[in-house]
Amino acid sequence: MSFRIRRKVTIERFKRWARWFFDLRRPRYVGSFPKFKRFVTVMFLLTVDAYVLAININLIPEHAFDLSEKRVFAQEARWDGGSGREGAEDTSVMPDNQGIPVLESERIESMIRATFPEDQRTALAIAKAESGLDPEHPSTTDKMKDGRPFSMGLFQINLSVQKIDSLDCPKAFKGTDYGSIVVDEALYAACVAYAKDPVRNTAAARGIYERRGRSWTAWGAFTNGSFKRFL
């Protein structure tokens, strides 16, 4: 069914329910069943049709409320090695944003551009190189002695040396980087959850960027040049 036909059908359906709503106010219908039930029934039907109308005229994408899609990445993806520098963010290089739903990917890209307006292309390229724009991506190279990652999220924030929002994540560790161990499991879990939040992760990346004099040298994807393939 074409877009114009779908829109016309939906508008006609909406008009029909609207006419029914006003028709129920006529005297012959009053008292036929409780007013509250009639109001709830009609408003529900109007709301459903209004939502369908909004989709059909492209005000709301059809998959805007579809939470069933999962971010899946190929297990056999190839990775570039890390730099091992003190305090450096993860240098794993992700393939392009495979598996990320298009709508979510676009929102993430818009957020990154808004956070780094003066260097949007580099910021996006580094995020793609570090995580493939997967906000929940755990590092495959930055791991502690017990095998758990200490870098996480869009910009692969190093939790052993960086704060996330209001959380002082370094306090969850003894030592830093590859030699670190978790001494506060609750704080570590909270920091991981915060790092998986794309807004908090990007804000932390902005803080690192500012503290480095608006430089990207904290990210291995920048220093080893792997970000350039995403420009």
Protein backbone atom coordinates (compact mmCIF):
# COMPACT_ATOMS: atom_id res chain seq x y z
CA MET A 1 0.00 0.00 0.00
CA SER A 2 1.43 3.38 -1.01
CA PHE A 3 2.14 6.14 1.46
CA ARG A 4 -0.72 8.34 0.18
CA ILE A 5 -3.27 5.53 0.40
CA ARG A 6 -2.14 4.56 3.92
CA ARG A 7 -2.40 8.17 5.04
CA LYS A 8 -5.87 8.60 3.51
CA VAL A 9 -7.18 5.38 5.08
CA THR A 10 -5.83 6.33 8.49
CA ILE A 11 -7.26 9.84 8.34
CA GLU A 12 -10.68 8.48 7.38
CA ARG A 13 -10.55 6.00 10.26
CA PHE A 14 -9.63 8.79 12.65
CA LYS A 15 -12.55 10.91 11.40
CA ARG A 16 -14.92 7.96 11.88
CA TRP A 17 -13.95 7.55 15.52
CA ALA A 18 -14.22 11.30 16.05
CA ARG A 19 -17.75 11.32 14.59
CA TRP A 20 -18.68 8.39 16.82
CA PHE A 21 -17.35 10.24 19.87
CA PHE A 22 -19.48 13.30 19.17
CA ASP A 23 -22.48 11.17 18.18
CA LEU A 24 -22.41 9.51 21.61
CA ARG A 25 -23.13 12.89 23.15
CA ARG A 26 -26.60 12.94 21.57
CA PRO A 27 -29.57 12.40 23.90
CA ARG A 28 -30.52 8.94 22.57
CA TYR A 29 -27.16 7.54 23.74
CA VAL A 30 -27.00 9.21 27.13
CA GLY A 31 -27.50 6.65 29.88
CA SER A 32 -27.01 3.65 27.57
CA PHE A 33 -23.85 2.80 29.55
CA PRO A 34 -21.78 4.67 32.17
CA LYS A 35 -20.28 7.91 30.95
CA PHE A 36 -16.83 7.09 32.34
CA LYS A 37 -16.65 3.79 30.43
CA ARG A 38 -17.77 5.52 27.25
CA PHE A 39 -15.15 8.24 27.69
CA VAL A 40 -12.32 5.78 28.36
CA THR A 41 -13.29 3.56 25.42
CA VAL A 42 -13.49 6.40 22.92
CA MET A 43 -10.32 8.11 24.11
CA PHE A 44 -8.41 4.84 23.85
CA LEU A 45 -9.58 4.30 20.28
CA LEU A 46 -8.77 7.89 19.35
CA THR A 47 -5.30 7.57 20.87
CA VAL A 48 -4.56 4.38 18.94
CA ASP A 49 -5.69 5.89 15.66
CA ALA A 50 -3.77 9.10 16.34
CA TYR A 51 -0.62 7.04 16.85
CA VAL A 52 -1.21 5.07 13.65
CA LEU A 53 -1.82 8.33 11.80
CA ALA A 54 1.43 9.78 13.13
CA ILE A 55 3.32 6.72 11.87
CA ASN A 56 1.69 6.83 8.46
CA ILE A 57 2.54 10.48 7.89
CA ASN A 58 6.08 9.85 9.13
CA LEU A 59 5.84 11.88 12.32
CA ILE A 60 6.95 8.78 14.26
CA PRO A 61 9.22 6.09 12.78
CA GLU A 62 7.53 2.67 12.81
CA HIS A 63 10.32 1.18 14.92
CA ALA A 64 10.60 4.08 17.39
CA PHE A 65 9.24 1.99 20.25
CA ASP A 66 10.63 -1.37 19.15
CA LEU A 67 12.94 -2.48 21.95
CA SER A 68 13.37 -6.00 20.64
CA GLU A 69 16.39 -5.27 18.46
CA LYS A 70 19.66 -6.26 20.10
CA ARG A 71 23.10 -4.92 19.35
CA VAL A 72 24.97 -7.92 18.00
CA PHE A 73 28.53 -7.84 16.80
CA ALA A 74 30.50 -10.53 15.02
CA GLN A 75 32.53 -12.55 17.49
CA GLU A 76 35.20 -13.10 14.89
CA ALA A 77 35.82 -9.39 14.33
CA ARG A 78 39.51 -8.59 14.00
CA TRP A 79 41.13 -6.23 16.48
CA ASP A 80 44.19 -4.05 16.45
CA GLY A 81 46.48 -4.27 19.46
CA GLY A 82 46.50 -1.79 22.34
CA SER A 83 49.19 0.69 23.15
CA GLY A 84 49.48 -0.19 26.84
CA ARG A 85 50.07 3.44 27.76
CA GLU A 86 49.30 4.53 31.32
CA GLY A 87 45.75 5.87 31.50
CA ALA A 88 45.15 5.42 27.79
CA GLU A 89 41.67 4.57 26.60
CA ASP A 90 41.09 1.24 24.88
CA THR A 91 42.74 0.96 21.49
CA SER A 92 40.63 -1.89 20.16
CA VAL A 93 39.42 -1.09 16.68
CA MET A 94 35.82 -2.05 15.99
CA PRO A 95 34.42 -2.67 12.53
CA ASP A 96 31.92 -0.10 11.27
CA ASN A 97 28.70 0.14 13.28
CA GLN A 98 27.45 -3.33 12.35
CA GLY A 99 24.49 -4.61 14.33
CA ILE A 100 23.46 -1.22 15.74
CA PRO A 101 19.86 -0.33 14.82
CA VAL A 102 19.91 2.58 12.35
CA LEU A 103 17.72 4.82 14.50
CA GLU A 104 19.89 4.36 17.59
CA SER A 105 23.08 4.82 15.60
CA GLU A 106 21.80 8.13 14.23
CA ARG A 107 20.87 9.37 17.71
CA ILE A 108 24.29 8.45 19.07
CA GLU A 109 26.03 10.21 16.20
CA SER A 110 23.91 13.34 16.77
CA MET A 111 24.78 13.32 20.48
CA ILE A 112 28.51 13.00 19.75
CA ARG A 113 28.37 15.86 17.24
CA ALA A 114 26.59 18.05 19.79
CA THR A 115 29.16 17.21 22.49
CA PHE A 116 32.16 17.91 20.24
CA PRO A 117 30.90 20.67 17.91
CA GLU A 118 34.40 21.94 17.16
CA ASP A 119 35.75 18.55 16.01
CA GLN A 120 32.77 16.40 15.09
CA ARG A 121 34.46 14.27 12.42
CA THR A 122 37.34 13.20 14.66
CA ALA A 123 35.06 12.51 17.63
CA LEU A 124 32.81 10.28 15.54
CA ALA A 125 35.76 8.51 13.95
CA ILE A 126 37.32 7.74 17.34
CA ALA A 127 34.02 6.45 18.78
CA LYS A 128 33.58 4.20 15.74
CA ALA A 129 37.14 2.92 16.00
CA GLU A 130 36.91 2.31 19.75
CA SER A 131 33.46 0.72 20.04
CA GLY A 132 31.72 0.62 16.66
CA LEU A 133 29.21 3.03 18.28
CA ASP A 134 28.05 0.25 20.60
CA PRO A 135 27.35 2.01 23.94
CA GLU A 136 27.66 -1.28 25.86
CA HIS A 137 30.86 -2.49 24.22
CA PRO A 138 33.37 -3.92 26.75
CA SER A 139 37.02 -3.76 25.83
CA THR A 140 38.52 -6.94 24.42
CA THR A 141 42.09 -5.80 25.11
CA ASP A 142 41.97 -3.65 28.27
CA LYS A 143 41.47 -6.37 30.87
CA MET A 144 42.46 -6.82 34.49
CA LYS A 145 44.22 -9.83 35.94
CA ASP A 146 40.89 -11.59 36.44
CA GLY A 147 39.93 -11.10 32.78
CA ARG A 148 37.31 -8.43 33.30
CA PRO A 149 37.52 -5.21 31.26
CA PHE A 150 38.54 -1.91 32.80
CA SER A 151 37.59 0.10 29.68
CA MET A 152 33.99 0.34 28.60
CA GLY A 153 31.43 2.03 26.36
CA LEU A 154 31.32 4.34 23.36
CA PHE A 155 34.69 6.00 24.00
CA GLN A 156 36.11 3.06 25.97
CA ILE A 157 36.58 5.05 29.17
CA ASN A 158 39.32 3.60 31.40
CA LEU A 159 37.50 3.11 34.70
CA SER A 160 40.68 2.45 36.64
CA VAL A 161 41.82 6.05 36.14
CA GLN A 162 38.72 8.06 35.15
CA LYS A 163 35.60 9.20 36.95
CA ILE A 164 32.18 8.67 35.36
CA ASP A 165 29.68 11.39 36.20
CA SER A 166 29.51 11.52 40.04
CA LEU A 167 31.24 8.15 40.55
CA ASP A 168 34.88 8.08 41.61
CA CYS A 169 35.59 4.89 39.70
CA PRO A 170 39.35 4.62 40.46
CA LYS A 171 38.39 3.91 44.09
CA ALA A 172 36.87 0.63 42.91
CA PHE A 173 40.37 -0.58 41.95
CA LYS A 174 43.70 -1.31 43.48
CA GLY A 175 46.27 -0.35 40.88
CA THR A 176 45.56 0.85 37.36
CA ASP A 177 45.23 -0.55 33.86
CA TYR A 178 46.32 -4.15 33.28
CA GLY A 179 47.68 -4.57 36.80
CA SER A 180 44.47 -3.42 38.50
CA ILE A 181 42.16 -5.55 40.61
CA VAL A 182 38.65 -4.73 41.82
CA VAL A 183 38.43 -4.02 45.56
CA ASP A 184 34.89 -2.56 45.59
CA GLU A 185 32.54 -4.74 43.55
CA ALA A 186 29.50 -2.55 44.08
CA LEU A 187 31.32 0.57 42.88
CA TYR A 188 32.80 -1.31 39.92
CA ALA A 189 29.33 -2.54 38.89
CA ALA A 190 27.93 0.99 39.18
CA CYS A 191 30.80 2.41 37.12
CA VAL A 192 30.28 -0.22 34.40
CA ALA A 193 26.57 0.66 34.27
CA TYR A 194 27.38 4.37 34.02
CA ALA A 195 30.01 3.73 31.35
CA LYS A 196 27.39 1.88 29.28
CA ASP A 197 25.20 4.98 29.34
CA PRO A 198 26.10 6.77 26.07
CA VAL A 199 25.36 10.23 27.52
CA ARG A 200 27.58 9.75 30.60
CA ASN A 201 30.30 8.04 28.56
CA THR A 202 30.42 10.84 26.02
CA ALA A 203 30.43 13.46 28.79
CA ALA A 204 33.40 11.68 30.41
CA ALA A 205 35.16 11.65 27.05
CA ARG A 206 34.58 15.38 26.76
CA GLY A 207 36.16 15.89 30.18
CA ILE A 208 39.24 13.88 29.20
CA TYR A 209 39.45 15.81 25.92
CA GLU A 210 39.32 19.14 27.78
CA ARG A 211 41.87 18.12 30.42
CA ARG A 212 44.26 17.13 27.62
CA GLY A 213 44.02 20.63 26.16
CA ARG A 214 41.35 19.63 23.64
CA SER A 215 43.53 16.82 22.41
CA TRP A 216 42.65 13.23 21.48
CA THR A 217 45.97 11.78 22.66
CA ALA A 218 44.28 9.78 25.45
CA TRP A 219 42.81 7.43 22.84
CA GLY A 220 44.92 4.77 21.21
CA ALA A 221 42.71 4.88 18.12
CA PHE A 222 44.00 8.42 17.61
CA THR A 223 47.68 7.86 18.40
CA ASN A 224 47.95 4.75 16.24
CA GLY A 225 45.96 6.36 13.42
CA SER A 226 43.28 3.68 13.22
CA PHE A 227 40.55 6.32 13.52
CA LYS A 228 41.39 7.66 10.06
CA ARG A 229 39.59 4.81 8.30
CA PHE A 230 36.31 6.18 9.73
CA LEU A 231 36.78 9.79 8.62
